[in-house]
Amino acid sequence: MASFSQLVDNVVVNTFELQPAQTRIGRRADNDIRIDEISVSGHHAVIEAVPNVYLEGTVDFYITDSDSTNGTFVNDIRVESRQRLNSNDVVRVGWNEFRFVDEDENALEKTAYILD
């Protein structure tokens, strides 16, 4: 199962389990992960769960910024298009930090992308 843990001073304060298809992040009430904070746009970003094309039974996670005002960053690099997430990536949504954790990710899955 994959999760998204909110960090404050590198300490987990909230953990959200990601939805099977997509998880919407933003300030508005209709998001799956609601962050009521001024640096977060109403609809800020989306995380998608997509079946891995190389390894049957595994799922890849991708994040896309929804044209937010303050941006979405993965490991301090701004997300310009759809970005694949790896376990332990640090994601910044506005001024909020999260750690993406995928307990099912394995080394073979990462190797498949290197070979692509």
PDB file of N, CA and C in Angstrom:
ATOM      1  N   MET A   1       0.839  -1.185   0.000  1.00  0.00           N
ATOM      2  CA  MET A   1       0.000   0.000   0.000  1.00  0.00           C
ATOM      3  C   MET A   1       0.879   1.242   0.000  1.00  0.00           C
ATOM      4  N   ALA A   2       0.466   2.256  -0.713  1.00  0.00           N
ATOM      5  CA  ALA A   2       1.222   3.500  -0.781  1.00  0.00           C
ATOM      6  C   ALA A   2       0.571   4.553   0.114  1.00  0.00           C
ATOM      7  N   SER A   3       1.426   5.416   0.678  1.00  0.00           N
ATOM      8  CA  SER A   3       0.917   6.473   1.538  1.00  0.00           C
ATOM      9  C   SER A   3       1.688   7.761   1.311  1.00  0.00           C
ATOM     10  N   PHE A   4       1.121   8.831   1.821  1.00  0.00           N
ATOM     11  CA  PHE A   4       1.650  10.177   1.674  1.00  0.00           C
ATOM     12  C   PHE A   4       1.669  10.749   3.082  1.00  0.00           C
ATOM     13  N   SER A   5       2.858  10.928   3.659  1.00  0.00           N
ATOM     14  CA  SER A   5       2.977  11.371   5.046  1.00  0.00           C
ATOM     15  C   SER A   5       3.394  12.830   5.120  1.00  0.00           C
ATOM     16  N   GLN A   6       2.602  13.629   5.813  1.00  0.00           N
ATOM     17  CA  GLN A   6       2.929  15.046   5.982  1.00  0.00           C
ATOM     18  C   GLN A   6       4.005  15.180   7.047  1.00  0.00           C
ATOM     19  N   LEU A   7       5.021  15.999   6.727  1.00  0.00           N
ATOM     20  CA  LEU A   7       6.164  16.186   7.620  1.00  0.00           C
ATOM     21  C   LEU A   7       6.205  17.619   8.156  1.00  0.00           C
ATOM     22  N   VAL A   8       6.553  17.751   9.426  1.00  0.00           N
ATOM     23  CA  VAL A   8       6.868  19.037  10.028  1.00  0.00           C
ATOM     24  C   VAL A   8       8.192  18.835  10.746  1.00  0.00           C
ATOM     25  N   ASP A   9       9.208  19.573  10.332  1.00  0.00           N
ATOM     26  CA  ASP A   9      10.570  19.406  10.868  1.00  0.00           C
ATOM     27  C   ASP A   9      11.025  17.952  10.764  1.00  0.00           C
ATOM     28  N   ASN A  10      10.703  17.328   9.631  1.00  0.00           N
ATOM     29  CA  ASN A  10      11.079  15.946   9.316  1.00  0.00           C
ATOM     30  C   ASN A  10      10.418  14.897  10.230  1.00  0.00           C
ATOM     31  N   VAL A  11       9.340  15.283  10.898  1.00  0.00           N
ATOM     32  CA  VAL A  11       8.576  14.369  11.746  1.00  0.00           C
ATOM     33  C   VAL A  11       7.189  14.193  11.125  1.00  0.00           C
ATOM     34  N   VAL A  12       6.721  12.956  11.029  1.00  0.00           N
ATOM     35  CA  VAL A  12       5.408  12.667  10.444  1.00  0.00           C
ATOM     36  C   VAL A  12       4.307  13.153  11.383  1.00  0.00           C
ATOM     37  N   VAL A  13       3.411  14.016  10.854  1.00  0.00           N
ATOM     38  CA  VAL A  13       2.288  14.514  11.652  1.00  0.00           C
ATOM     39  C   VAL A  13       0.945  13.978  11.150  1.00  0.00           C
ATOM     40  N   ASN A  14       0.861  13.586   9.882  1.00  0.00           N
ATOM     41  CA  ASN A  14      -0.349  12.998   9.292  1.00  0.00           C
ATOM     42  C   ASN A  14       0.069  12.012   8.213  1.00  0.00           C
ATOM     43  N   THR A  15      -0.672  10.931   8.083  1.00  0.00           N
ATOM     44  CA  THR A  15      -0.428   9.980   7.000  1.00  0.00           C
ATOM     45  C   THR A  15      -1.740   9.709   6.277  1.00  0.00           C
ATOM     46  N   PHE A  16      -1.671   9.784   4.946  1.00  0.00           N
ATOM     47  CA  PHE A  16      -2.844   9.568   4.101  1.00  0.00           C
ATOM     48  C   PHE A  16      -2.572   8.379   3.203  1.00  0.00           C
ATOM     49  N   GLU A  17      -3.498   7.403   3.172  1.00  0.00           N
ATOM     50  CA  GLU A  17      -3.364   6.294   2.230  1.00  0.00           C
ATOM     51  C   GLU A  17      -3.851   6.773   0.876  1.00  0.00           C
ATOM     52  N   LEU A  18      -3.100   6.437  -0.173  1.00  0.00           N
ATOM     53  CA  LEU A  18      -3.459   6.891  -1.512  1.00  0.00           C
ATOM     54  C   LEU A  18      -4.589   6.042  -2.081  1.00  0.00           C
ATOM     55  N   GLN A  19      -5.463   6.683  -2.828  1.00  0.00           N
ATOM     56  CA  GLN A  19      -6.616   6.029  -3.421  1.00  0.00           C
ATOM     57  C   GLN A  19      -6.171   5.094  -4.550  1.00  0.00           C
ATOM     58  N   PRO A  20      -6.965   4.055  -4.871  1.00  0.00           N
ATOM     59  CA  PRO A  20      -6.583   3.100  -5.912  1.00  0.00           C
ATOM     60  C   PRO A  20      -6.367   3.708  -7.301  1.00  0.00           C
ATOM     61  N   ALA A  21      -7.129   4.704  -7.702  1.00  0.00           N
ATOM     62  CA  ALA A  21      -6.971   5.265  -9.048  1.00  0.00           C
ATOM     63  C   ALA A  21      -6.247   6.601  -8.997  1.00  0.00           C
ATOM     64  N   GLN A  22      -6.811   7.562  -8.278  1.00  0.00           N
ATOM     65  CA  GLN A  22      -6.157   8.865  -8.174  1.00  0.00           C
ATOM     66  C   GLN A  22      -6.508   9.527  -6.851  1.00  0.00           C
ATOM     67  N   THR A  23      -5.589  10.362  -6.385  1.00  0.00           N
ATOM     68  CA  THR A  23      -5.759  11.111  -5.154  1.00  0.00           C
ATOM     69  C   THR A  23      -5.564  12.585  -5.475  1.00  0.00           C
ATOM     70  N   ARG A  24      -6.568  13.392  -5.180  1.00  0.00           N
ATOM     71  CA  ARG A  24      -6.487  14.831  -5.455  1.00  0.00           C
ATOM     72  C   ARG A  24      -6.055  15.566  -4.192  1.00  0.00           C
ATOM     73  N   ILE A  25      -5.148  16.532  -4.375  1.00  0.00           N
ATOM     74  CA  ILE A  25      -4.591  17.291  -3.261  1.00  0.00           C
ATOM     75  C   ILE A  25      -4.900  18.765  -3.483  1.00  0.00           C
ATOM     76  N   GLY A  26      -5.374  19.446  -2.444  1.00  0.00           N
ATOM     77  CA  GLY A  26      -5.629  20.874  -2.568  1.00  0.00           C
ATOM     78  C   GLY A  26      -6.338  21.444  -1.362  1.00  0.00           C
ATOM     79  N   ARG A  27      -6.668  22.723  -1.454  1.00  0.00           N
ATOM     80  CA  ARG A  27      -7.279  23.456  -0.341  1.00  0.00           C
ATOM     81  C   ARG A  27      -8.799  23.278  -0.284  1.00  0.00           C
ATOM     82  N   ARG A  28      -9.443  23.014  -1.403  1.00  0.00           N
ATOM     83  CA  ARG A  28     -10.905  22.885  -1.418  1.00  0.00           C
ATOM     84  C   ARG A  28     -11.373  21.593  -0.755  1.00  0.00           C
ATOM     85  N   ALA A  29     -12.611  21.612  -0.298  1.00  0.00           N
ATOM     86  CA  ALA A  29     -13.185  20.476   0.429  1.00  0.00           C
ATOM     87  C   ALA A  29     -13.367  19.228  -0.424  1.00  0.00           C
ATOM     88  N   ASP A  30     -13.406  19.364  -1.764  1.00  0.00           N
ATOM     89  CA  ASP A  30     -13.644  18.198  -2.615  1.00  0.00           C
ATOM     90  C   ASP A  30     -12.371  17.399  -2.926  1.00  0.00           C
ATOM     91  N   ASN A  31     -11.235  17.731  -2.316  1.00  0.00           N
ATOM     92  CA  ASN A  31      -9.988  16.981  -2.508  1.00  0.00           C
ATOM     93  C   ASN A  31      -9.923  15.790  -1.564  1.00  0.00           C
ATOM     94  N   ASP A  32      -9.178  14.759  -1.968  1.00  0.00           N
ATOM     95  CA  ASP A  32      -8.978  13.588  -1.106  1.00  0.00           C
ATOM     96  C   ASP A  32      -8.047  13.927   0.062  1.00  0.00           C
ATOM     97  N   ILE A  33      -7.005  14.724  -0.235  1.00  0.00           N
ATOM     98  CA  ILE A  33      -6.115  15.234   0.807  1.00  0.00           C
ATOM     99  C   ILE A  33      -6.320  16.744   0.833  1.00  0.00           C
ATOM    100  N   ARG A  34      -6.966  17.224   1.870  1.00  0.00           N
ATOM    101  CA  ARG A  34      -7.282  18.644   1.975  1.00  0.00           C
ATOM    102  C   ARG A  34      -6.254  19.318   2.873  1.00  0.00           C
ATOM    103  N   ILE A  35      -5.634  20.375   2.337  1.00  0.00           N
ATOM    104  CA  ILE A  35      -4.644  21.143   3.088  1.00  0.00           C
ATOM    105  C   ILE A  35      -5.156  22.577   3.147  1.00  0.00           C
ATOM    106  N   ASP A  36      -5.714  22.947   4.275  1.00  0.00           N
ATOM    107  CA  ASP A  36      -6.308  24.275   4.437  1.00  0.00           C
ATOM    108  C   ASP A  36      -5.209  25.256   4.841  1.00  0.00           C
ATOM    109  N   GLU A  37      -4.448  25.681   3.834  1.00  0.00           N
ATOM    110  CA  GLU A  37      -3.292  26.533   4.055  1.00  0.00           C
ATOM    111  C   GLU A  37      -3.120  27.437   2.834  1.00  0.00           C
ATOM    112  N   ILE A  38      -2.757  28.689   3.051  1.00  0.00           N
ATOM    113  CA  ILE A  38      -2.772  29.704   2.001  1.00  0.00           C
ATOM    114  C   ILE A  38      -1.850  29.415   0.813  1.00  0.00           C
ATOM    115  N   SER A  39      -0.763  28.678   0.991  1.00  0.00           N
ATOM    116  CA  SER A  39       0.166  28.411  -0.116  1.00  0.00           C
ATOM    117  C   SER A  39      -0.317  27.291  -1.036  1.00  0.00           C
ATOM    118  N   VAL A  40      -1.400  26.631  -0.661  1.00  0.00           N
ATOM    119  CA  VAL A  40      -1.944  25.507  -1.431  1.00  0.00           C
ATOM    120  C   VAL A  40      -3.118  25.993  -2.264  1.00  0.00           C
ATOM    121  N   SER A  41      -3.087  25.682  -3.564  1.00  0.00           N
ATOM    122  CA  SER A  41      -4.183  26.064  -4.460  1.00  0.00           C
ATOM    123  C   SER A  41      -5.418  25.202  -4.197  1.00  0.00           C
ATOM    124  N   GLY A  42      -6.566  25.679  -4.675  1.00  0.00           N
ATOM    125  CA  GLY A  42      -7.813  24.943  -4.488  1.00  0.00           C
ATOM    126  C   GLY A  42      -7.726  23.516  -4.988  1.00  0.00           C
ATOM    127  N   HIS A  43      -7.214  23.330  -6.187  1.00  0.00           N
ATOM    128  CA  HIS A  43      -6.892  22.016  -6.746  1.00  0.00           C
ATOM    129  C   HIS A  43      -5.419  22.085  -7.121  1.00  0.00           C
ATOM    130  N   HIS A  44      -4.561  21.561  -6.279  1.00  0.00           N
ATOM    131  CA  HIS A  44      -3.115  21.783  -6.389  1.00  0.00           C
ATOM    132  C   HIS A  44      -2.401  20.716  -7.226  1.00  0.00           C
ATOM    133  N   ALA A  45      -2.659  19.445  -6.917  1.00  0.00           N
ATOM    134  CA  ALA A  45      -1.951  18.351  -7.600  1.00  0.00           C
ATOM    135  C   ALA A  45      -2.792  17.084  -7.562  1.00  0.00           C
ATOM    136  N   VAL A  46      -2.406  16.124  -8.422  1.00  0.00           N
ATOM    137  CA  VAL A  46      -3.080  14.826  -8.477  1.00  0.00           C
ATOM    138  C   VAL A  46      -2.023  13.736  -8.485  1.00  0.00           C
ATOM    139  N   ILE A  47      -2.242  12.700  -7.681  1.00  0.00           N
ATOM    140  CA  ILE A  47      -1.388  11.503  -7.714  1.00  0.00           C
ATOM    141  C   ILE A  47      -2.210  10.389  -8.344  1.00  0.00           C
ATOM    142  N   GLU A  48      -1.653   9.776  -9.394  1.00  0.00           N
ATOM    143  CA  GLU A  48      -2.333   8.686 -10.093  1.00  0.00           C
ATOM    144  C   GLU A  48      -1.638   7.363  -9.820  1.00  0.00           C
ATOM    145  N   ALA A  49      -2.425   6.319  -9.640  1.00  0.00           N
ATOM    146  CA  ALA A  49      -1.915   4.954  -9.525  1.00  0.00           C
ATOM    147  C   ALA A  49      -2.153   4.267 -10.868  1.00  0.00           C
ATOM    148  N   VAL A  50      -1.055   3.816 -11.504  1.00  0.00           N
ATOM    149  CA  VAL A  50      -1.126   3.255 -12.849  1.00  0.00           C
ATOM    150  C   VAL A  50      -0.455   1.872 -12.844  1.00  0.00           C
ATOM    151  N   PRO A  51      -1.105   0.845 -13.419  1.00  0.00           N
ATOM    152  CA  PRO A  51      -0.455  -0.470 -13.495  1.00  0.00           C
ATOM    153  C   PRO A  51       0.878  -0.382 -14.237  1.00  0.00           C
ATOM    154  N   ASN A  52       1.904  -1.046 -13.701  1.00  0.00           N
ATOM    155  CA  ASN A  52       3.238  -1.068 -14.315  1.00  0.00           C
ATOM    156  C   ASN A  52       3.182  -1.877 -15.609  1.00  0.00           C
ATOM    157  N   VAL A  53       3.725  -1.313 -16.697  1.00  0.00           N
ATOM    158  CA  VAL A  53       3.668  -1.982 -17.995  1.00  0.00           C
ATOM    159  C   VAL A  53       4.649  -3.145 -18.105  1.00  0.00           C
ATOM    160  N   TYR A  54       5.651  -3.184 -17.229  1.00  0.00           N
ATOM    161  CA  TYR A  54       6.670  -4.234 -17.303  1.00  0.00           C
ATOM    162  C   TYR A  54       6.445  -5.372 -16.309  1.00  0.00           C
ATOM    163  N   LEU A  55       5.928  -5.041 -15.142  1.00  0.00           N
ATOM    164  CA  LEU A  55       5.788  -6.031 -14.077  1.00  0.00           C
ATOM    165  C   LEU A  55       4.325  -6.196 -13.692  1.00  0.00           C
ATOM    166  N   GLU A  56       3.766  -7.311 -14.070  1.00  0.00           N
ATOM    167  CA  GLU A  56       2.365  -7.592 -13.781  1.00  0.00           C
ATOM    168  C   GLU A  56       2.122  -7.593 -12.272  1.00  0.00           C
ATOM    169  N   GLY A  57       1.038  -6.955 -11.872  1.00  0.00           N
ATOM    170  CA  GLY A  57       0.667  -6.943 -10.460  1.00  0.00           C
ATOM    171  C   GLY A  57       1.279  -5.803  -9.662  1.00  0.00           C
ATOM    172  N   THR A  58       2.107  -4.970 -10.286  1.00  0.00           N
ATOM    173  CA  THR A  58       2.685  -3.834  -9.570  1.00  0.00           C
ATOM    174  C   THR A  58       2.068  -2.534 -10.082  1.00  0.00           C
ATOM    175  N   VAL A  59       2.111  -1.527  -9.251  1.00  0.00           N
ATOM    176  CA  VAL A  59       1.497  -0.236  -9.553  1.00  0.00           C
ATOM    177  C   VAL A  59       2.548   0.853  -9.432  1.00  0.00           C
ATOM    178  N   ASP A  60       2.551   1.785 -10.379  1.00  0.00           N
ATOM    179  CA  ASP A  60       3.413   2.962 -10.333  1.00  0.00           C
ATOM    180  C   ASP A  60       2.568   4.158  -9.935  1.00  0.00           C
ATOM    181  N   PHE A  61       3.198   5.124  -9.278  1.00  0.00           N
ATOM    182  CA  PHE A  61       2.511   6.332  -8.857  1.00  0.00           C
ATOM    183  C   PHE A  61       3.149   7.534  -9.538  1.00  0.00           C
ATOM    184  N   TYR A  62       2.300   8.419 -10.053  1.00  0.00           N
ATOM    185  CA  TYR A  62       2.735   9.623 -10.757  1.00  0.00           C
ATOM    186  C   TYR A  62       2.043  10.833 -10.140  1.00  0.00           C
ATOM    187  N   ILE A  63       2.769  11.943 -10.064  1.00  0.00           N
ATOM    188  CA  ILE A  63       2.176  13.181  -9.576  1.00  0.00           C
ATOM    189  C   ILE A  63       2.180  14.208 -10.697  1.00  0.00           C
ATOM    190  N   THR A  64       1.105  14.979 -10.785  1.00  0.00           N
ATOM    191  CA  THR A  64       0.973  16.040 -11.768  1.00  0.00           C
ATOM    192  C   THR A  64       0.505  17.295 -11.051  1.00  0.00           C
ATOM    193  N   ASP A  65       1.153  18.413 -11.320  1.00  0.00           N
ATOM    194  CA  ASP A  65       0.733  19.690 -10.765  1.00  0.00           C
ATOM    195  C   ASP A  65      -0.488  20.164 -11.555  1.00  0.00           C
ATOM    196  N   SER A  66      -1.472  20.703 -10.849  1.00  0.00           N
ATOM    197  CA  SER A  66      -2.716  21.153 -11.492  1.00  0.00           C
ATOM    198  C   SER A  66      -2.685  22.664 -11.725  1.00  0.00           C
ATOM    199  N   ASP A  67      -1.581  23.145 -12.330  1.00  0.00           N
ATOM    200  CA  ASP A  67      -1.405  24.579 -12.593  1.00  0.00           C
ATOM    201  C   ASP A  67      -1.558  25.404 -11.317  1.00  0.00           C
ATOM    202  N   SER A  68      -0.945  24.919 -10.235  1.00  0.00           N
ATOM    203  CA  SER A  68      -1.031  25.610  -8.955  1.00  0.00           C
ATOM    204  C   SER A  68      -0.198  26.893  -8.965  1.00  0.00           C
ATOM    205  N   THR A  69      -0.506  27.783  -8.060  1.00  0.00           N
ATOM    206  CA  THR A  69       0.205  29.057  -7.959  1.00  0.00           C
ATOM    207  C   THR A  69       1.637  28.863  -7.450  1.00  0.00           C
ATOM    208  N   ASN A  70       1.821  28.077  -6.407  1.00  0.00           N
ATOM    209  CA  ASN A  70       3.133  27.927  -5.772  1.00  0.00           C
ATOM    210  C   ASN A  70       3.888  26.666  -6.169  1.00  0.00           C
ATOM    211  N   GLY A  71       3.314  25.862  -7.029  1.00  0.00           N
ATOM    212  CA  GLY A  71       4.014  24.709  -7.577  1.00  0.00           C
ATOM    213  C   GLY A  71       4.029  23.477  -6.702  1.00  0.00           C
ATOM    214  N   THR A  72       4.428  22.379  -7.337  1.00  0.00           N
ATOM    215  CA  THR A  72       4.621  21.087  -6.692  1.00  0.00           C
ATOM    216  C   THR A  72       6.044  20.668  -7.007  1.00  0.00           C
ATOM    217  N   PHE A  73       6.767  20.185  -6.005  1.00  0.00           N
ATOM    218  CA  PHE A  73       8.174  19.834  -6.152  1.00  0.00           C
ATOM    219  C   PHE A  73       8.409  18.413  -5.663  1.00  0.00           C
ATOM    220  N   VAL A  74       9.245  17.660  -6.380  1.00  0.00           N
ATOM    221  CA  VAL A  74       9.665  16.328  -5.946  1.00  0.00           C
ATOM    222  C   VAL A  74      11.174  16.394  -5.764  1.00  0.00           C
ATOM    223  N   ASN A  75      11.607  16.157  -4.536  1.00  0.00           N
ATOM    224  CA  ASN A  75      13.035  16.244  -4.183  1.00  0.00           C
ATOM    225  C   ASN A  75      13.624  17.587  -4.642  1.00  0.00           C
ATOM    226  N   ASP A  76      12.892  18.666  -4.365  1.00  0.00           N
ATOM    227  CA  ASP A  76      13.275  20.053  -4.662  1.00  0.00           C
ATOM    228  C   ASP A  76      13.336  20.398  -6.148  1.00  0.00           C
ATOM    229  N   ILE A  77      12.788  19.556  -7.013  1.00  0.00           N
ATOM    230  CA  ILE A  77      12.721  19.844  -8.447  1.00  0.00           C
ATOM    231  C   ILE A  77      11.255  20.061  -8.809  1.00  0.00           C
ATOM    232  N   ARG A  78      10.987  21.196  -9.420  1.00  0.00           N
ATOM    233  CA  ARG A  78       9.599  21.543  -9.765  1.00  0.00           C
ATOM    234  C   ARG A  78       9.021  20.544 -10.769  1.00  0.00           C
ATOM    235  N   VAL A  79       7.807  20.100 -10.521  1.00  0.00           N
ATOM    236  CA  VAL A  79       7.097  19.184 -11.411  1.00  0.00           C
ATOM    237  C   VAL A  79       6.562  20.004 -12.574  1.00  0.00           C
ATOM    238  N   GLU A  80       7.090  19.738 -13.772  1.00  0.00           N
ATOM    239  CA  GLU A  80       6.658  20.453 -14.983  1.00  0.00           C
ATOM    240  C   GLU A  80       5.631  19.650 -15.769  1.00  0.00           C
ATOM    241  N   SER A  81       5.710  18.334 -15.675  1.00  0.00           N
ATOM    242  CA  SER A  81       4.756  17.458 -16.331  1.00  0.00           C
ATOM    243  C   SER A  81       4.498  16.292 -15.376  1.00  0.00           C
ATOM    244  N   ARG A  82       4.007  15.215 -15.866  1.00  0.00           N
ATOM    245  CA  ARG A  82       3.756  14.029 -15.037  1.00  0.00           C
ATOM    246  C   ARG A  82       5.080  13.463 -14.542  1.00  0.00           C
ATOM    247  N   GLN A  83       5.218  13.290 -13.234  1.00  0.00           N
ATOM    248  CA  GLN A  83       6.474  12.849 -12.616  1.00  0.00           C
ATOM    249  C   GLN A  83       6.247  11.555 -11.844  1.00  0.00           C
ATOM    250  N   ARG A  84       7.054  10.530 -12.136  1.00  0.00           N
ATOM    251  CA  ARG A  84       6.951   9.259 -11.407  1.00  0.00           C
ATOM    252  C   ARG A  84       7.490   9.433 -10.006  1.00  0.00           C
ATOM    253  N   LEU A  85       6.797   8.847  -9.030  1.00  0.00           N
ATOM    254  CA  LEU A  85       7.235   8.893  -7.641  1.00  0.00           C
ATOM    255  C   LEU A  85       7.907   7.591  -7.259  1.00  0.00           C
ATOM    256  N   ASN A  86       9.016   7.703  -6.532  1.00  0.00           N
ATOM    257  CA  ASN A  86       9.702   6.548  -5.957  1.00  0.00           C
ATOM    258  C   ASN A  86       9.551   6.605  -4.450  1.00  0.00           C
ATOM    259  N   SER A  87       9.557   5.453  -3.815  1.00  0.00           N
ATOM    260  CA  SER A  87       9.413   5.411  -2.376  1.00  0.00           C
ATOM    261  C   SER A  87      10.473   6.287  -1.715  1.00  0.00           C
ATOM    262  N   ASN A  88      10.053   7.046  -0.719  1.00  0.00           N
ATOM    263  CA  ASN A  88      10.868   7.984   0.067  1.00  0.00           C
ATOM    264  C   ASN A  88      11.143   9.307  -0.635  1.00  0.00           C
ATOM    265  N   ASP A  89      10.520   9.564  -1.788  1.00  0.00           N
ATOM    266  CA  ASP A  89      10.618  10.894  -2.382  1.00  0.00           C
ATOM    267  C   ASP A  89       9.961  11.904  -1.439  1.00  0.00           C
ATOM    268  N   VAL A  90      10.552  13.101  -1.386  1.00  0.00           N
ATOM    269  CA  VAL A  90       9.970  14.190  -0.607  1.00  0.00           C
ATOM    270  C   VAL A  90       9.245  15.104  -1.582  1.00  0.00           C
ATOM    271  N   VAL A  91       7.964  15.313  -1.334  1.00  0.00           N
ATOM    272  CA  VAL A  91       7.107  16.111  -2.207  1.00  0.00           C
ATOM    273  C   VAL A  91       6.701  17.366  -1.444  1.00  0.00           C
ATOM    274  N   ARG A  92       6.862  18.523  -2.104  1.00  0.00           N
ATOM    275  CA  ARG A  92       6.443  19.789  -1.499  1.00  0.00           C
ATOM    276  C   ARG A  92       5.241  20.313  -2.260  1.00  0.00           C
ATOM    277  N   VAL A  93       4.170  20.552  -1.530  1.00  0.00           N
ATOM    278  CA  VAL A  93       2.925  21.095  -2.057  1.00  0.00           C
ATOM    279  C   VAL A  93       2.761  22.460  -1.396  1.00  0.00           C
ATOM    280  N   GLY A  94       2.981  23.536  -2.162  1.00  0.00           N
ATOM    281  CA  GLY A  94       3.026  24.860  -1.546  1.00  0.00           C
ATOM    282  C   GLY A  94       4.179  24.896  -0.569  1.00  0.00           C
ATOM    283  N   TRP A  95       3.887  25.184   0.698  1.00  0.00           N
ATOM    284  CA  TRP A  95       4.934  25.197   1.729  1.00  0.00           C
ATOM    285  C   TRP A  95       4.921  23.929   2.569  1.00  0.00           C
ATOM    286  N   ASN A  96       4.169  22.922   2.178  1.00  0.00           N
ATOM    287  CA  ASN A  96       3.988  21.700   2.970  1.00  0.00           C
ATOM    288  C   ASN A  96       4.809  20.552   2.398  1.00  0.00           C
ATOM    289  N   GLU A  97       5.514  19.842   3.275  1.00  0.00           N
ATOM    290  CA  GLU A  97       6.332  18.705   2.839  1.00  0.00           C
ATOM    291  C   GLU A  97       5.654  17.387   3.178  1.00  0.00           C
ATOM    292  N   PHE A  98       5.802  16.449   2.234  1.00  0.00           N
ATOM    293  CA  PHE A  98       5.257  15.103   2.397  1.00  0.00           C
ATOM    294  C   PHE A  98       6.322  14.098   1.978  1.00  0.00           C
ATOM    295  N   ARG A  99       6.250  12.899   2.533  1.00  0.00           N
ATOM    296  CA  ARG A  99       7.106  11.800   2.087  1.00  0.00           C
ATOM    297  C   ARG A  99       6.199  10.747   1.470  1.00  0.00           C
ATOM    298  N   PHE A 100       6.510  10.382   0.217  1.00  0.00           N
ATOM    299  CA  PHE A 100       5.779   9.325  -0.466  1.00  0.00           C
ATOM    300  C   PHE A 100       6.411   7.997  -0.068  1.00  0.00           C
ATOM    301  N   VAL A 101       5.595   7.058   0.386  1.00  0.00           N
ATOM    302  CA  VAL A 101       6.087   5.738   0.785  1.00  0.00           C
ATOM    303  C   VAL A 101       5.274   4.679   0.055  1.00  0.00           C
ATOM    304  N   ASP A 102       5.977   3.818  -0.680  1.00  0.00           N
ATOM    305  CA  ASP A 102       5.336   2.707  -1.382  1.00  0.00           C
ATOM    306  C   ASP A 102       5.944   1.422  -0.836  1.00  0.00           C
ATOM    307  N   GLU A 103       5.221   0.772   0.047  1.00  0.00           N
ATOM    308  CA  GLU A 103       5.721  -0.442   0.690  1.00  0.00           C
ATOM    309  C   GLU A 103       5.892  -1.600  -0.291  1.00  0.00           C
ATOM    310  N   ASP A 104       5.207  -1.530  -1.439  1.00  0.00           N
ATOM    311  CA  ASP A 104       5.263  -2.613  -2.415  1.00  0.00           C
ATOM    312  C   ASP A 104       6.355  -2.413  -3.471  1.00  0.00           C
ATOM    313  N   GLU A 105       6.973  -1.238  -3.505  1.00  0.00           N
ATOM    314  CA  GLU A 105       8.009  -0.980  -4.510  1.00  0.00           C
ATOM    315  C   GLU A 105       9.224  -1.865  -4.238  1.00  0.00           C
ATOM    316  N   ASN A 106       9.810  -2.369  -5.320  1.00  0.00           N
ATOM    317  CA  ASN A 106      11.005  -3.197  -5.149  1.00  0.00           C
ATOM    318  C   ASN A 106      12.067  -2.805  -6.167  1.00  0.00           C
ATOM    319  N   ALA A 107      13.266  -3.320  -5.996  1.00  0.00           N
ATOM    320  CA  ALA A 107      14.397  -2.974  -6.864  1.00  0.00           C
ATOM    321  C   ALA A 107      14.144  -3.386  -8.309  1.00  0.00           C
ATOM    322  N   LEU A 108      13.463  -4.499  -8.543  1.00  0.00           N
ATOM    323  CA  LEU A 108      13.181  -4.963  -9.898  1.00  0.00           C
ATOM    324  C   LEU A 108      12.336  -3.934 -10.656  1.00  0.00           C
ATOM    325  N   GLU A 109      11.406  -3.310  -9.961  1.00  0.00           N
ATOM    326  CA  GLU A 109      10.561  -2.295 -10.594  1.00  0.00           C
ATOM    327  C   GLU A 109      11.394  -1.104 -11.044  1.00  0.00           C
ATOM    328  N   LYS A 110      12.344  -0.651 -10.235  1.00  0.00           N
ATOM    329  CA  LYS A 110      13.220   0.458 -10.623  1.00  0.00           C
ATOM    330  C   LYS A 110      14.092   0.071 -11.800  1.00  0.00           C
ATOM    331  N   THR A 111      14.563  -1.156 -11.845  1.00  0.00           N
ATOM    332  CA  THR A 111      15.409  -1.637 -12.937  1.00  0.00           C
ATOM    333  C   THR A 111      14.652  -1.609 -14.262  1.00  0.00           C
ATOM    334  N   ALA A 112      13.374  -1.916 -14.253  1.00  0.00           N
ATOM    335  CA  ALA A 112      12.574  -1.901 -15.477  1.00  0.00           C
ATOM    336  C   ALA A 112      12.594  -0.528 -16.131  1.00  0.00           C
ATOM    337  N   TYR A 113      12.634   0.523 -15.338  1.00  0.00           N
ATOM    338  CA  TYR A 113      12.646   1.870 -15.905  1.00  0.00           C
ATOM    339  C   TYR A 113      14.019   2.235 -16.443  1.00  0.00           C
ATOM    340  N   ILE A 114      15.048   1.724 -15.874  1.00  0.00           N
ATOM    341  CA  ILE A 114      16.403   1.960 -16.390  1.00  0.00           C
ATOM    342  C   ILE A 114      16.559   1.300 -17.744  1.00  0.00           C
ATOM    343  N   LEU A 115      15.960   0.130 -17.933  1.00  0.00           N
ATOM    344  CA  LEU A 115      16.078  -0.610 -19.179  1.00  0.00           C
ATOM    345  C   LEU A 115      15.209  -0.048 -20.294  1.00  0.00           C
ATOM    346  N   ASP A 116      14.221   0.760 -19.930  1.00  0.00           N
ATOM    347  CA  ASP A 116      13.273   1.313 -20.912  1.00  0.00           C
ATOM    348  C   ASP A 116      13.940   2.223 -21.901  1.00  0.00           C
TER     349      ASP A 116
END
